[in-house]
C-alpha atoms as a PDB file:
ATOM      1  CA  MET A   1      -0.008   0.090   0.078  1.00  0.00           C
ATOM      2  CA  TYR A   2       1.274   3.544  -0.731  1.00  0.00           C
ATOM      3  CA  LYS A   3       0.642   6.544   1.291  1.00  0.00           C
ATOM      4  CA  ILE A   4       0.962   9.810  -0.457  1.00  0.00           C
ATOM      5  CA  THR A   5       0.335  13.308   0.334  1.00  0.00           C
ATOM      6  CA  ILE A   6      -1.482  15.473  -2.240  1.00  0.00           C
ATOM      7  CA  GLU A   7      -1.160  19.387  -2.437  1.00  0.00           C
ATOM      8  CA  ILE A   8      -4.448  21.000  -3.646  1.00  0.00           C
ATOM      9  CA  ARG A   9      -4.344  24.469  -4.897  1.00  0.00           C
ATOM     10  CA  ARG A  10      -6.936  26.510  -6.322  1.00  0.00           C
ATOM     11  CA  LEU A  11      -6.041  28.088  -9.701  1.00  0.00           C
ATOM     12  CA  ASP A  12      -7.630  30.337 -12.265  1.00  0.00           C
ATOM     13  CA  GLU A  13      -7.480  27.822 -15.256  1.00  0.00           C
ATOM     14  CA  VAL A  14      -8.948  25.013 -13.265  1.00  0.00           C
ATOM     15  CA  PRO A  15     -11.076  24.910 -10.172  1.00  0.00           C
ATOM     16  CA  TYR A  16      -8.670  22.874  -8.162  1.00  0.00           C
ATOM     17  CA  LEU A  17      -5.304  21.245  -8.966  1.00  0.00           C
ATOM     18  CA  GLY A  18      -3.637  18.309  -6.924  1.00  0.00           C
ATOM     19  CA  THR A  19       0.047  17.310  -7.090  1.00  0.00           C
ATOM     20  CA  SER A  20       2.174  15.127  -4.998  1.00  0.00           C
ATOM     21  CA  LEU A  21       5.855  15.219  -4.351  1.00  0.00           C
ATOM     22  CA  ASP A  22       5.617  11.559  -3.341  1.00  0.00           C
ATOM     23  CA  LEU A  23       4.422  10.240  -6.677  1.00  0.00           C
ATOM     24  CA  THR A  24       6.137  12.297  -9.490  1.00  0.00           C
ATOM     25  CA  GLY A  25       3.644  12.646 -12.278  1.00  0.00           C
ATOM     26  CA  LEU A  26       0.518  12.581 -10.209  1.00  0.00           C
ATOM     27  CA  ILE A  27      -1.598  15.425 -11.442  1.00  0.00           C
ATOM     28  CA  LEU A  28      -5.295  15.714 -10.653  1.00  0.00           C
ATOM     29  CA  GLN A  29      -7.996  18.173 -11.254  1.00  0.00           C
ATOM     30  CA  GLY A  30     -11.568  18.596  -9.912  1.00  0.00           C
ATOM     31  CA  SER A  31     -14.287  20.935  -9.257  1.00  0.00           C
ATOM     32  CA  THR A  32     -13.842  20.532  -5.619  1.00  0.00           C
ATOM     33  CA  PRO A  33     -10.888  19.591  -3.076  1.00  0.00           C
ATOM     34  CA  ASP A  34     -13.095  16.421  -2.139  1.00  0.00           C
ATOM     35  CA  GLU A  35     -13.181  15.544  -5.865  1.00  0.00           C
ATOM     36  CA  VAL A  36      -9.585  15.789  -6.349  1.00  0.00           C
ATOM     37  CA  VAL A  37      -9.041  13.476  -3.320  1.00  0.00           C
ATOM     38  CA  ASP A  38     -11.731  10.971  -4.443  1.00  0.00           C
ATOM     39  CA  LEU A  39      -9.805  10.785  -7.910  1.00  0.00           C
ATOM     40  CA  ALA A  40      -6.530  10.233  -6.425  1.00  0.00           C
ATOM     41  CA  PRO A  41      -6.582   6.486  -5.545  1.00  0.00           C
ATOM     42  CA  ASP A  42      -7.513   5.305  -9.307  1.00  0.00           C
ATOM     43  CA  ILE A  43      -4.989   7.715 -10.896  1.00  0.00           C
ATOM     44  CA  ALA A  44      -2.254   6.825  -8.574  1.00  0.00           C
ATOM     45  CA  ARG A  45      -2.808   3.029  -9.159  1.00  0.00           C
ATOM     46  CA  ASP A  46      -2.772   3.567 -13.072  1.00  0.00           C
ATOM     47  CA  LEU A  47       0.348   5.824 -12.518  1.00  0.00           C
ATOM     48  CA  ILE A  48       2.070   3.223 -10.650  1.00  0.00           C
ATOM     49  CA  ALA A  49       1.058   0.445 -13.005  1.00  0.00           C
ATOM     50  CA  VAL A  50       2.725   2.357 -15.856  1.00  0.00           C
ATOM     51  CA  MET A  51       5.876   3.034 -13.763  1.00  0.00           C
ATOM     52  CA  VAL A  52       6.239  -0.876 -13.357  1.00  0.00           C
ATOM     53  CA  GLU A  53       5.601  -1.359 -16.963  1.00  0.00           C
ATOM     54  CA  THR A  54       8.421   0.934 -17.937  1.00  0.00           C
ATOM     55  CA  GLY A  55      10.685   0.141 -15.255  1.00  0.00           C
ATOM     56  CA  GLU A  56      10.736   3.669 -13.525  1.00  0.00           C
ATOM     57  CA  PRO A  57      11.600   3.763  -9.748  1.00  0.00           C
ATOM     58  CA  LEU A  58       8.417   3.355  -7.523  1.00  0.00           C
ATOM     59  CA  PRO A  59       7.951   5.556  -4.528  1.00  0.00           C
ATOM     60  CA  PRO A  60       8.830   4.189  -1.138  1.00  0.00           C
ATOM     61  CA  ASN A  61       6.333   1.605   0.021  1.00  0.00           C
ATOM     62  CA  ASP A  62       4.326   2.347   3.152  1.00  0.00           C
ATOM     63  CA  SER A  63       3.072  -1.189   4.252  1.00  0.00           C
ATOM     64  CA  ALA A  64       1.245  -0.106   7.348  1.00  0.00           C
END
């Protein structure tokens, strides 16, 4: 299981933008902060699958 921190900012172009220093390449946008958080697990899972396929290093695993 991976535990990541998401930074959510309000921007002019999109209502809310989420990124994470824990998972490079994770970029989320939603109409509310809750929507950004709700989207994060599925998008992060997809991104990690691509990282595995391409041999990119994975973030540290938090097996709590």
